[in-house]
Amino acid sequence: MTYRTLCILAFTALISACSTRPTGPITPPPESVSAISKWETSGRVGIRTQNDAVSGNFNWQKDAKTFDLSIVGPFGQGATNLNQATDGKVTLSYEDKVITGNDPATLLQQELGWEFPVKQVTYWIRGLASPDSAARVSKNPDSQLPNKIEQDGWLIIYSNFTKIDGLSLPQKMQVSNPPFRVNLIINQWTIQ
């Protein structure tokens, strides 16, 4: 064996010895879409209102008590951030303004003119109807996945799903209540 081969083997053994496996409990993936307790998703968004049209990238992190939704326009311009802390306080940040309140949908409507039912969308983005009001759900006869939800005056149309940890989650959807329309193309899902 040459000196070079011996060095390569020793280096490989050293790297292998330094690698570790997680020692804490591993969280199993959720068994159903409704069992998802925490998620993060990102992708492209297009928002149309009666007077405006905005497009950009979004990132949305959500757990049982908090959320953080960021929308950033092309080239990093026009950043808007909406988040809810564990105490229920909601903060909307855009341009050089920071506004606080108790209801995210109300803040978006008052400050930006965007009608966006945040509470319901946390269900719709997972392909579920919100449990808080009546809904009509139409399913694809082959996949049994929703292709349309009608709820609270909004129409949600799903045009593509992706598999994440064995679960089917929306990849492309439109949420509309004229003149308001939001198109989402979801590039990434992380779920727990």
N, C-alpha and C. Protein backbone atom coordinates (compact mmCIF):
# COMPACT_ATOMS: atom_id res chain seq x y z
N MET A 1 0.85 -1.16 0.00
CA MET A 1 0.00 0.00 0.00
C MET A 1 0.91 1.23 0.00
N THR A 2 0.54 2.20 -0.84
CA THR A 2 1.35 3.40 -0.93
C THR A 2 0.97 4.38 0.17
N TYR A 3 1.86 5.30 0.38
CA TYR A 3 1.63 6.34 1.40
C TYR A 3 0.36 7.13 1.07
N ARG A 4 0.15 7.42 -0.20
CA ARG A 4 -1.04 8.20 -0.62
C ARG A 4 -2.31 7.42 -0.32
N THR A 5 -2.37 6.15 -0.63
CA THR A 5 -3.55 5.33 -0.36
C THR A 5 -3.81 5.25 1.13
N LEU A 6 -2.75 5.11 1.91
CA LEU A 6 -2.89 5.05 3.36
C LEU A 6 -3.47 6.36 3.91
N CYS A 7 -3.01 7.49 3.38
CA CYS A 7 -3.53 8.80 3.80
C CYS A 7 -5.01 8.95 3.44
N ILE A 8 -5.39 8.51 2.25
CA ILE A 8 -6.80 8.60 1.83
C ILE A 8 -7.67 7.75 2.74
N LEU A 9 -7.23 6.53 3.05
CA LEU A 9 -8.00 5.66 3.95
C LEU A 9 -8.12 6.26 5.35
N ALA A 10 -7.03 6.81 5.85
CA ALA A 10 -7.07 7.42 7.18
C ALA A 10 -8.00 8.63 7.20
N PHE A 11 -7.95 9.45 6.15
CA PHE A 11 -8.82 10.61 6.06
C PHE A 11 -10.29 10.19 5.99
N THR A 12 -10.58 9.17 5.19
CA THR A 12 -11.94 8.65 5.07
C THR A 12 -12.44 8.13 6.42
N ALA A 13 -11.60 7.41 7.14
CA ALA A 13 -11.99 6.89 8.46
C ALA A 13 -12.25 8.04 9.43
N LEU A 14 -11.43 9.08 9.36
CA LEU A 14 -11.62 10.23 10.24
C LEU A 14 -12.94 10.94 9.96
N ILE A 15 -13.26 11.15 8.69
CA ILE A 15 -14.53 11.80 8.33
C ILE A 15 -15.70 10.93 8.77
N SER A 16 -15.61 9.63 8.57
CA SER A 16 -16.69 8.73 8.99
C SER A 16 -16.89 8.77 10.49
N ALA A 17 -15.82 8.86 11.24
CA ALA A 17 -15.92 8.90 12.70
C ALA A 17 -16.54 10.20 13.18
N CYS A 18 -16.37 11.28 12.41
CA CYS A 18 -16.92 12.57 12.81
C CYS A 18 -18.40 12.71 12.49
N SER A 19 -18.91 11.92 11.57
CA SER A 19 -20.32 12.05 11.23
C SER A 19 -21.16 11.39 12.32
N THR A 20 -22.25 12.04 12.65
CA THR A 20 -23.13 11.51 13.69
C THR A 20 -24.54 11.43 13.17
N ARG A 21 -25.31 10.57 13.80
CA ARG A 21 -26.72 10.46 13.48
C ARG A 21 -27.49 11.18 14.58
N PRO A 22 -28.66 11.69 14.26
CA PRO A 22 -29.44 12.37 15.28
C PRO A 22 -29.74 11.43 16.44
N THR A 23 -29.59 11.95 17.66
CA THR A 23 -29.83 11.12 18.84
C THR A 23 -31.19 11.37 19.46
N GLY A 24 -31.83 12.51 19.11
CA GLY A 24 -33.14 12.83 19.67
C GLY A 24 -34.24 12.08 18.93
N PRO A 25 -35.45 12.24 19.40
CA PRO A 25 -36.57 11.58 18.73
C PRO A 25 -36.79 12.15 17.33
N ILE A 26 -37.11 11.29 16.41
CA ILE A 26 -37.39 11.69 15.04
C ILE A 26 -38.91 11.83 14.91
N THR A 27 -39.35 13.00 14.46
CA THR A 27 -40.78 13.24 14.31
C THR A 27 -41.27 12.50 13.07
N PRO A 28 -42.21 11.59 13.24
CA PRO A 28 -42.73 10.88 12.06
C PRO A 28 -43.56 11.84 11.20
N PRO A 29 -43.63 11.59 9.90
CA PRO A 29 -44.45 12.46 9.06
C PRO A 29 -45.93 12.33 9.43
N PRO A 30 -46.72 13.37 9.17
CA PRO A 30 -48.14 13.30 9.47
C PRO A 30 -48.81 12.19 8.67
N GLU A 31 -49.86 11.61 9.25
CA GLU A 31 -50.56 10.52 8.58
C GLU A 31 -51.60 11.00 7.58
N SER A 32 -52.02 12.27 7.70
CA SER A 32 -53.00 12.83 6.77
C SER A 32 -52.72 14.32 6.62
N VAL A 33 -53.29 14.90 5.58
CA VAL A 33 -53.11 16.34 5.35
C VAL A 33 -53.67 17.14 6.53
N SER A 34 -54.80 16.70 7.08
CA SER A 34 -55.39 17.43 8.21
C SER A 34 -54.56 17.30 9.48
N ALA A 35 -53.67 16.32 9.55
CA ALA A 35 -52.82 16.12 10.73
C ALA A 35 -51.54 16.96 10.69
N ILE A 36 -51.32 17.70 9.61
CA ILE A 36 -50.13 18.54 9.52
C ILE A 36 -50.23 19.63 10.58
N SER A 37 -49.27 19.67 11.50
CA SER A 37 -49.31 20.65 12.59
C SER A 37 -48.38 21.84 12.35
N LYS A 38 -47.43 21.65 11.46
CA LYS A 38 -46.44 22.70 11.18
C LYS A 38 -46.02 22.55 9.73
N TRP A 39 -45.92 23.67 9.03
CA TRP A 39 -45.48 23.59 7.66
C TRP A 39 -44.80 24.87 7.21
N GLU A 40 -44.03 24.71 6.15
CA GLU A 40 -43.41 25.84 5.48
C GLU A 40 -43.56 25.59 3.99
N THR A 41 -43.93 26.63 3.28
CA THR A 41 -44.08 26.51 1.84
C THR A 41 -43.57 27.79 1.19
N SER A 42 -43.11 27.65 -0.04
CA SER A 42 -42.62 28.81 -0.77
C SER A 42 -42.89 28.62 -2.25
N GLY A 43 -42.88 29.74 -2.96
CA GLY A 43 -43.12 29.68 -4.39
C GLY A 43 -43.39 31.05 -4.96
N ARG A 44 -44.22 31.06 -6.02
CA ARG A 44 -44.57 32.31 -6.71
C ARG A 44 -46.00 32.68 -6.37
N VAL A 45 -46.26 33.98 -6.32
CA VAL A 45 -47.61 34.47 -6.04
C VAL A 45 -47.94 35.61 -7.00
N GLY A 46 -49.19 35.64 -7.42
CA GLY A 46 -49.73 36.75 -8.19
C GLY A 46 -51.00 37.21 -7.50
N ILE A 47 -51.10 38.48 -7.18
CA ILE A 47 -52.25 39.03 -6.47
C ILE A 47 -52.87 40.12 -7.35
N ARG A 48 -54.16 39.97 -7.60
CA ARG A 48 -54.87 40.98 -8.39
C ARG A 48 -56.02 41.53 -7.56
N THR A 49 -56.08 42.86 -7.49
CA THR A 49 -57.18 43.55 -6.82
C THR A 49 -57.90 44.39 -7.87
N GLN A 50 -58.88 45.14 -7.44
CA GLN A 50 -59.62 45.98 -8.37
C GLN A 50 -58.71 47.03 -9.01
N ASN A 51 -57.71 47.51 -8.26
CA ASN A 51 -56.88 48.61 -8.75
C ASN A 51 -55.41 48.26 -8.96
N ASP A 52 -55.02 47.02 -8.68
CA ASP A 52 -53.59 46.73 -8.65
C ASP A 52 -53.34 45.27 -9.02
N ALA A 53 -52.12 45.01 -9.43
CA ALA A 53 -51.65 43.65 -9.66
C ALA A 53 -50.23 43.56 -9.15
N VAL A 54 -49.96 42.56 -8.32
CA VAL A 54 -48.66 42.38 -7.70
C VAL A 54 -48.21 40.95 -7.94
N SER A 55 -46.94 40.77 -8.23
CA SER A 55 -46.41 39.41 -8.35
C SER A 55 -45.06 39.35 -7.66
N GLY A 56 -44.69 38.16 -7.25
CA GLY A 56 -43.41 37.99 -6.59
C GLY A 56 -43.26 36.59 -6.03
N ASN A 57 -42.41 36.49 -5.05
CA ASN A 57 -42.16 35.22 -4.38
C ASN A 57 -42.76 35.28 -2.98
N PHE A 58 -43.15 34.12 -2.48
CA PHE A 58 -43.67 34.08 -1.12
C PHE A 58 -43.01 32.96 -0.33
N ASN A 59 -43.00 33.13 0.97
CA ASN A 59 -42.56 32.10 1.91
C ASN A 59 -43.54 32.17 3.07
N TRP A 60 -44.10 31.02 3.44
CA TRP A 60 -45.11 30.99 4.50
C TRP A 60 -44.76 29.88 5.48
N GLN A 61 -44.49 30.26 6.71
CA GLN A 61 -44.24 29.32 7.80
C GLN A 61 -45.41 29.37 8.75
N LYS A 62 -45.93 28.20 9.13
CA LYS A 62 -47.13 28.15 9.97
C LYS A 62 -47.01 27.01 10.96
N ASP A 63 -47.36 27.30 12.23
CA ASP A 63 -47.52 26.23 13.22
C ASP A 63 -48.85 26.46 13.91
N ALA A 64 -49.11 25.78 14.99
CA ALA A 64 -50.42 25.83 15.63
C ALA A 64 -50.82 27.23 16.10
N LYS A 65 -49.86 28.05 16.54
CA LYS A 65 -50.18 29.35 17.12
C LYS A 65 -49.63 30.54 16.36
N THR A 66 -48.65 30.34 15.52
CA THR A 66 -47.99 31.47 14.85
C THR A 66 -47.92 31.25 13.35
N PHE A 67 -47.67 32.32 12.64
CA PHE A 67 -47.35 32.20 11.22
C PHE A 67 -46.49 33.39 10.81
N ASP A 68 -45.79 33.21 9.71
CA ASP A 68 -44.97 34.28 9.13
C ASP A 68 -45.10 34.15 7.62
N LEU A 69 -45.71 35.15 6.99
CA LEU A 69 -45.92 35.16 5.54
C LEU A 69 -45.17 36.34 4.96
N SER A 70 -44.25 36.06 4.05
CA SER A 70 -43.48 37.10 3.38
C SER A 70 -43.74 37.04 1.89
N ILE A 71 -43.96 38.21 1.31
CA ILE A 71 -44.10 38.34 -0.14
C ILE A 71 -43.11 39.39 -0.60
N VAL A 72 -42.27 39.00 -1.55
CA VAL A 72 -41.22 39.90 -2.05
C VAL A 72 -41.38 40.02 -3.55
N GLY A 73 -41.43 41.26 -4.04
CA GLY A 73 -41.60 41.51 -5.46
C GLY A 73 -40.33 41.21 -6.24
N PRO A 74 -40.40 41.42 -7.55
CA PRO A 74 -39.24 41.17 -8.40
C PRO A 74 -38.02 41.97 -7.92
N PHE A 75 -36.87 41.36 -7.99
CA PHE A 75 -35.59 41.98 -7.62
C PHE A 75 -35.57 42.45 -6.17
N GLY A 76 -36.36 41.78 -5.31
CA GLY A 76 -36.36 42.10 -3.88
C GLY A 76 -37.11 43.35 -3.51
N GLN A 77 -37.84 43.92 -4.45
CA GLN A 77 -38.57 45.16 -4.16
C GLN A 77 -39.97 44.85 -3.64
N GLY A 78 -40.54 45.81 -2.91
CA GLY A 78 -41.91 45.69 -2.47
C GLY A 78 -42.16 44.60 -1.45
N ALA A 79 -41.26 44.42 -0.51
CA ALA A 79 -41.41 43.36 0.49
C ALA A 79 -42.56 43.66 1.44
N THR A 80 -43.39 42.64 1.65
CA THR A 80 -44.51 42.72 2.59
C THR A 80 -44.40 41.51 3.52
N ASN A 81 -44.53 41.76 4.82
CA ASN A 81 -44.46 40.67 5.79
C ASN A 81 -45.66 40.75 6.72
N LEU A 82 -46.30 39.60 6.91
CA LEU A 82 -47.44 39.50 7.81
C LEU A 82 -47.15 38.36 8.76
N ASN A 83 -47.18 38.64 10.06
CA ASN A 83 -46.93 37.54 10.99
C ASN A 83 -47.82 37.65 12.22
N GLN A 84 -47.99 36.50 12.85
CA GLN A 84 -48.77 36.42 14.08
C GLN A 84 -47.91 35.77 15.14
N ALA A 85 -47.79 36.44 16.29
CA ALA A 85 -46.98 35.93 17.40
C ALA A 85 -47.83 34.99 18.26
N THR A 86 -47.18 34.33 19.21
CA THR A 86 -47.88 33.37 20.08
C THR A 86 -48.97 34.03 20.91
N ASP A 87 -48.87 35.34 21.16
CA ASP A 87 -49.90 36.03 21.93
C ASP A 87 -51.09 36.45 21.07
N GLY A 88 -51.07 36.10 19.77
CA GLY A 88 -52.16 36.44 18.87
C GLY A 88 -52.02 37.78 18.19
N LYS A 89 -51.02 38.57 18.58
CA LYS A 89 -50.80 39.88 17.98
C LYS A 89 -50.31 39.71 16.54
N VAL A 90 -50.93 40.46 15.63
CA VAL A 90 -50.61 40.39 14.21
C VAL A 90 -49.87 41.65 13.80
N THR A 91 -48.80 41.49 13.03
CA THR A 91 -48.00 42.62 12.56
C THR A 91 -47.90 42.57 11.05
N LEU A 92 -48.15 43.70 10.43
CA LEU A 92 -48.00 43.86 8.99
C LEU A 92 -46.89 44.88 8.76
N SER A 93 -45.86 44.48 7.99
CA SER A 93 -44.74 45.37 7.67
C SER A 93 -44.66 45.51 6.15
N TYR A 94 -44.62 46.74 5.67
CA TYR A 94 -44.44 47.00 4.24
C TYR A 94 -43.89 48.42 4.09
N GLU A 95 -43.17 48.62 3.01
CA GLU A 95 -42.46 49.88 2.80
C GLU A 95 -41.72 50.21 4.10
N ASP A 96 -41.98 51.35 4.71
CA ASP A 96 -41.34 51.68 5.98
C ASP A 96 -42.36 51.70 7.11
N LYS A 97 -43.46 50.99 6.94
CA LYS A 97 -44.54 50.99 7.92
C LYS A 97 -44.61 49.66 8.66
N VAL A 98 -44.99 49.75 9.93
CA VAL A 98 -45.25 48.56 10.75
C VAL A 98 -46.58 48.83 11.46
N ILE A 99 -47.59 48.01 11.15
CA ILE A 99 -48.93 48.17 11.70
C ILE A 99 -49.25 46.90 12.48
N THR A 100 -49.87 47.07 13.65
CA THR A 100 -50.27 45.90 14.44
C THR A 100 -51.78 45.86 14.59
N GLY A 101 -52.29 44.67 14.84
CA GLY A 101 -53.73 44.48 15.01
C GLY A 101 -54.02 43.08 15.52
N ASN A 102 -55.29 42.71 15.44
CA ASN A 102 -55.72 41.40 15.93
C ASN A 102 -56.13 40.44 14.83
N ASP A 103 -56.41 40.96 13.63
CA ASP A 103 -56.90 40.11 12.55
C ASP A 103 -56.08 40.35 11.28
N PRO A 104 -55.41 39.32 10.77
CA PRO A 104 -54.55 39.52 9.60
C PRO A 104 -55.32 39.95 8.35
N ALA A 105 -56.51 39.39 8.12
CA ALA A 105 -57.28 39.74 6.93
C ALA A 105 -57.69 41.21 6.98
N THR A 106 -58.07 41.70 8.14
CA THR A 106 -58.47 43.11 8.30
C THR A 106 -57.28 44.04 8.04
N LEU A 107 -56.11 43.70 8.57
CA LEU A 107 -54.92 44.53 8.32
C LEU A 107 -54.60 44.62 6.84
N LEU A 108 -54.63 43.49 6.14
CA LEU A 108 -54.33 43.49 4.71
C LEU A 108 -55.34 44.33 3.94
N GLN A 109 -56.62 44.21 4.30
CA GLN A 109 -57.67 44.98 3.61
C GLN A 109 -57.50 46.47 3.88
N GLN A 110 -57.32 46.86 5.13
CA GLN A 110 -57.24 48.28 5.48
C GLN A 110 -55.98 48.95 4.94
N GLU A 111 -54.86 48.25 5.01
CA GLU A 111 -53.59 48.87 4.66
C GLU A 111 -53.22 48.75 3.18
N LEU A 112 -53.51 47.59 2.58
CA LEU A 112 -53.07 47.35 1.21
C LEU A 112 -54.21 47.23 0.21
N GLY A 113 -55.44 47.13 0.72
CA GLY A 113 -56.57 46.93 -0.19
C GLY A 113 -56.68 45.50 -0.70
N TRP A 114 -55.95 44.57 -0.07
CA TRP A 114 -55.99 43.17 -0.47
C TRP A 114 -57.02 42.44 0.37
N GLU A 115 -57.94 41.78 -0.28
CA GLU A 115 -58.86 40.92 0.44
C GLU A 115 -58.27 39.52 0.38
N PHE A 116 -57.88 39.01 1.53
CA PHE A 116 -57.19 37.72 1.59
C PHE A 116 -57.57 37.05 2.91
N PRO A 117 -58.47 36.07 2.90
CA PRO A 117 -58.94 35.45 4.13
C PRO A 117 -57.89 34.50 4.71
N VAL A 118 -56.94 35.05 5.44
CA VAL A 118 -55.77 34.31 5.90
C VAL A 118 -56.15 33.03 6.66
N LYS A 119 -57.11 33.13 7.56
CA LYS A 119 -57.48 31.96 8.35
C LYS A 119 -57.95 30.80 7.47
N GLN A 120 -58.82 31.09 6.50
CA GLN A 120 -59.30 30.04 5.61
C GLN A 120 -58.19 29.53 4.69
N VAL A 121 -57.33 30.44 4.24
CA VAL A 121 -56.27 30.04 3.31
C VAL A 121 -55.31 29.04 3.97
N THR A 122 -55.16 29.09 5.29
CA THR A 122 -54.30 28.10 5.96
C THR A 122 -54.83 26.68 5.77
N TYR A 123 -56.11 26.55 5.49
CA TYR A 123 -56.69 25.24 5.15
C TYR A 123 -56.65 25.01 3.65
N TRP A 124 -57.08 26.01 2.88
CA TRP A 124 -57.16 25.86 1.43
C TRP A 124 -55.81 25.53 0.82
N ILE A 125 -54.72 26.09 1.37
CA ILE A 125 -53.39 25.84 0.80
C ILE A 125 -52.99 24.37 0.96
N ARG A 126 -53.64 23.67 1.88
CA ARG A 126 -53.39 22.24 2.05
C ARG A 126 -54.43 21.37 1.33
N GLY A 127 -55.35 22.01 0.61
CA GLY A 127 -56.38 21.26 -0.11
C GLY A 127 -57.56 20.88 0.75
N LEU A 128 -57.79 21.62 1.83
CA LEU A 128 -58.87 21.35 2.78
C LEU A 128 -59.84 22.52 2.83
N ALA A 129 -61.11 22.22 3.11
CA ALA A 129 -62.07 23.28 3.42
C ALA A 129 -61.88 23.67 4.87
N SER A 130 -62.08 24.95 5.18
CA SER A 130 -62.00 25.40 6.57
C SER A 130 -63.16 24.77 7.35
N PRO A 131 -62.91 24.30 8.57
CA PRO A 131 -63.97 23.67 9.35
C PRO A 131 -64.94 24.67 9.98
N ASP A 132 -64.68 25.97 9.81
CA ASP A 132 -65.47 27.00 10.49
C ASP A 132 -66.73 27.43 9.76
N SER A 133 -66.92 27.00 8.51
CA SER A 133 -68.12 27.38 7.77
C SER A 133 -68.43 26.33 6.71
N ALA A 134 -69.65 26.41 6.18
CA ALA A 134 -70.09 25.44 5.16
C ALA A 134 -69.25 25.61 3.89
N ALA A 135 -69.03 24.51 3.20
CA ALA A 135 -68.25 24.54 1.96
C ALA A 135 -68.78 23.49 1.00
N ARG A 136 -68.61 23.77 -0.30
CA ARG A 136 -68.88 22.76 -1.33
C ARG A 136 -67.54 22.36 -1.91
N VAL A 137 -67.27 21.07 -1.88
CA VAL A 137 -65.99 20.55 -2.38
C VAL A 137 -66.27 19.62 -3.55
N SER A 138 -65.64 19.90 -4.69
CA SER A 138 -65.71 19.01 -5.85
C SER A 138 -64.38 18.28 -5.96
N LYS A 139 -64.45 16.96 -6.17
CA LYS A 139 -63.22 16.17 -6.24
C LYS A 139 -63.02 15.56 -7.61
N ASN A 140 -61.77 15.36 -7.94
CA ASN A 140 -61.41 14.65 -9.16
C ASN A 140 -61.85 13.20 -8.98
N PRO A 141 -62.66 12.65 -9.89
CA PRO A 141 -63.17 11.29 -9.69
C PRO A 141 -62.08 10.22 -9.67
N ASP A 142 -60.95 10.47 -10.33
CA ASP A 142 -59.88 9.47 -10.37
C ASP A 142 -59.01 9.51 -9.11
N SER A 143 -58.57 10.70 -8.72
CA SER A 143 -57.63 10.82 -7.60
C SER A 143 -58.31 11.06 -6.26
N GLN A 144 -59.57 11.49 -6.30
CA GLN A 144 -60.32 11.89 -5.10
C GLN A 144 -59.69 13.11 -4.41
N LEU A 145 -58.84 13.84 -5.11
CA LEU A 145 -58.28 15.09 -4.61
C LEU A 145 -59.22 16.22 -5.00
N PRO A 146 -59.28 17.28 -4.19
CA PRO A 146 -60.19 18.38 -4.55
C PRO A 146 -59.71 19.09 -5.81
N ASN A 147 -60.66 19.42 -6.67
CA ASN A 147 -60.31 20.29 -7.79
C ASN A 147 -60.98 21.64 -7.63
N LYS A 148 -61.95 21.73 -6.67
CA LYS A 148 -62.60 23.01 -6.43
C LYS A 148 -63.22 23.01 -5.03
N ILE A 149 -63.05 24.14 -4.32
CA ILE A 149 -63.73 24.37 -3.05
C ILE A 149 -64.43 25.73 -3.17
N GLU A 150 -65.69 25.78 -2.77
CA GLU A 150 -66.43 27.04 -2.71
C GLU A 150 -66.78 27.27 -1.25
N GLN A 151 -66.28 28.39 -0.70
CA GLN A 151 -66.47 28.65 0.73
C GLN A 151 -66.38 30.14 1.02
N ASP A 152 -67.30 30.63 1.83
CA ASP A 152 -67.29 32.02 2.29
C ASP A 152 -67.20 33.02 1.15
N GLY A 153 -67.83 32.70 0.02
CA GLY A 153 -67.83 33.60 -1.13
C GLY A 153 -66.59 33.47 -2.01
N TRP A 154 -65.68 32.57 -1.67
CA TRP A 154 -64.44 32.39 -2.42
C TRP A 154 -64.50 31.09 -3.21
N LEU A 155 -63.82 31.09 -4.35
CA LEU A 155 -63.68 29.91 -5.19
C LEU A 155 -62.21 29.54 -5.23
N ILE A 156 -61.91 28.32 -4.85
CA ILE A 156 -60.53 27.83 -4.85
C ILE A 156 -60.44 26.73 -5.89
N ILE A 157 -59.58 26.91 -6.88
CA ILE A 157 -59.41 25.94 -7.95
C ILE A 157 -58.00 25.38 -7.88
N TYR A 158 -57.91 24.05 -7.84
CA TYR A 158 -56.61 23.36 -7.78
C TYR A 158 -56.33 22.77 -9.16
N SER A 159 -55.14 23.05 -9.67
CA SER A 159 -54.81 22.50 -10.99
C SER A 159 -53.64 21.53 -10.95
N ASN A 160 -52.97 21.40 -9.81
CA ASN A 160 -51.88 20.43 -9.72
C ASN A 160 -51.56 20.13 -8.26
N PHE A 161 -51.23 18.87 -7.98
CA PHE A 161 -50.82 18.43 -6.65
C PHE A 161 -49.45 17.77 -6.74
N THR A 162 -48.76 17.71 -5.61
CA THR A 162 -47.47 17.04 -5.52
C THR A 162 -47.46 16.15 -4.28
N LYS A 163 -46.63 15.12 -4.28
CA LYS A 163 -46.52 14.22 -3.13
C LYS A 163 -45.39 14.67 -2.22
N ILE A 164 -45.73 14.87 -0.93
CA ILE A 164 -44.75 15.22 0.09
C ILE A 164 -44.94 14.24 1.24
N ASP A 165 -43.92 13.48 1.56
CA ASP A 165 -43.99 12.47 2.62
C ASP A 165 -45.22 11.58 2.48
N GLY A 166 -45.56 11.24 1.24
CA GLY A 166 -46.69 10.35 0.99
C GLY A 166 -48.05 11.04 0.95
N LEU A 167 -48.09 12.34 1.18
CA LEU A 167 -49.35 13.09 1.17
C LEU A 167 -49.44 13.97 -0.07
N SER A 168 -50.64 14.10 -0.62
CA SER A 168 -50.86 14.96 -1.79
C SER A 168 -51.19 16.37 -1.33
N LEU A 169 -50.35 17.32 -1.72
CA LEU A 169 -50.52 18.72 -1.35
C LEU A 169 -50.55 19.58 -2.61
N PRO A 170 -51.32 20.68 -2.59
CA PRO A 170 -51.41 21.53 -3.77
C PRO A 170 -50.06 22.09 -4.21
N GLN A 171 -49.91 22.14 -5.52
CA GLN A 171 -48.72 22.74 -6.10
C GLN A 171 -49.10 23.98 -6.92
N LYS A 172 -50.33 23.99 -7.43
CA LYS A 172 -50.79 25.14 -8.22
C LYS A 172 -52.27 25.34 -7.91
N MET A 173 -52.61 26.59 -7.51
CA MET A 173 -53.99 26.87 -7.13
C MET A 173 -54.32 28.34 -7.36
N GLN A 174 -55.64 28.60 -7.45
CA GLN A 174 -56.13 29.97 -7.58
C GLN A 174 -57.25 30.18 -6.57
N VAL A 175 -57.17 31.28 -5.84
CA VAL A 175 -58.17 31.66 -4.85
C VAL A 175 -58.79 32.96 -5.34
N SER A 176 -60.12 32.98 -5.57
CA SER A 176 -60.71 34.18 -6.14
C SER A 176 -62.07 34.51 -5.54
N ASN A 177 -62.31 35.79 -5.47
CA ASN A 177 -63.58 36.38 -5.09
C ASN A 177 -63.58 37.74 -5.78
N PRO A 178 -64.06 37.80 -7.05
CA PRO A 178 -63.89 39.01 -7.86
C PRO A 178 -64.26 40.28 -7.11
N PRO A 179 -63.42 41.32 -7.26
CA PRO A 179 -62.29 41.47 -8.18
C PRO A 179 -60.96 40.95 -7.64
N PHE A 180 -60.97 40.25 -6.50
CA PHE A 180 -59.72 39.77 -5.90
C PHE A 180 -59.38 38.37 -6.41
N ARG A 181 -58.09 38.18 -6.73
CA ARG A 181 -57.64 36.87 -7.20
C ARG A 181 -56.18 36.67 -6.77
N VAL A 182 -55.90 35.49 -6.23
CA VAL A 182 -54.54 35.14 -5.82
C VAL A 182 -54.17 33.83 -6.52
N ASN A 183 -53.08 33.83 -7.25
CA ASN A 183 -52.56 32.62 -7.89
C ASN A 183 -51.31 32.20 -7.14
N LEU A 184 -51.24 30.94 -6.78
CA LEU A 184 -50.07 30.40 -6.08
C LEU A 184 -49.47 29.25 -6.88
N ILE A 185 -48.17 29.30 -7.07
CA ILE A 185 -47.41 28.17 -7.60
C ILE A 185 -46.42 27.80 -6.51
N ILE A 186 -46.62 26.65 -5.91
CA ILE A 186 -45.84 26.24 -4.74
C ILE A 186 -44.68 25.37 -5.21
N ASN A 187 -43.47 25.84 -4.95
CA ASN A 187 -42.26 25.11 -5.36
C ASN A 187 -41.74 24.17 -4.28
N GLN A 188 -42.06 24.48 -3.02
CA GLN A 188 -41.47 23.69 -1.93
C GLN A 188 -42.45 23.57 -0.77
N TRP A 189 -42.54 22.38 -0.22
CA TRP A 189 -43.31 22.09 0.98
C TRP A 189 -42.40 21.42 1.99
N THR A 190 -42.49 21.81 3.26
CA THR A 190 -41.88 21.09 4.36
C THR A 190 -42.97 20.93 5.41
N ILE A 191 -43.25 19.70 5.82
CA ILE A 191 -44.36 19.46 6.73
C ILE A 191 -43.95 18.64 7.94
N GLN A 192 -44.71 18.85 9.02
CA GLN A 192 -44.55 18.04 10.24
C GLN A 192 -45.91 17.73 10.78
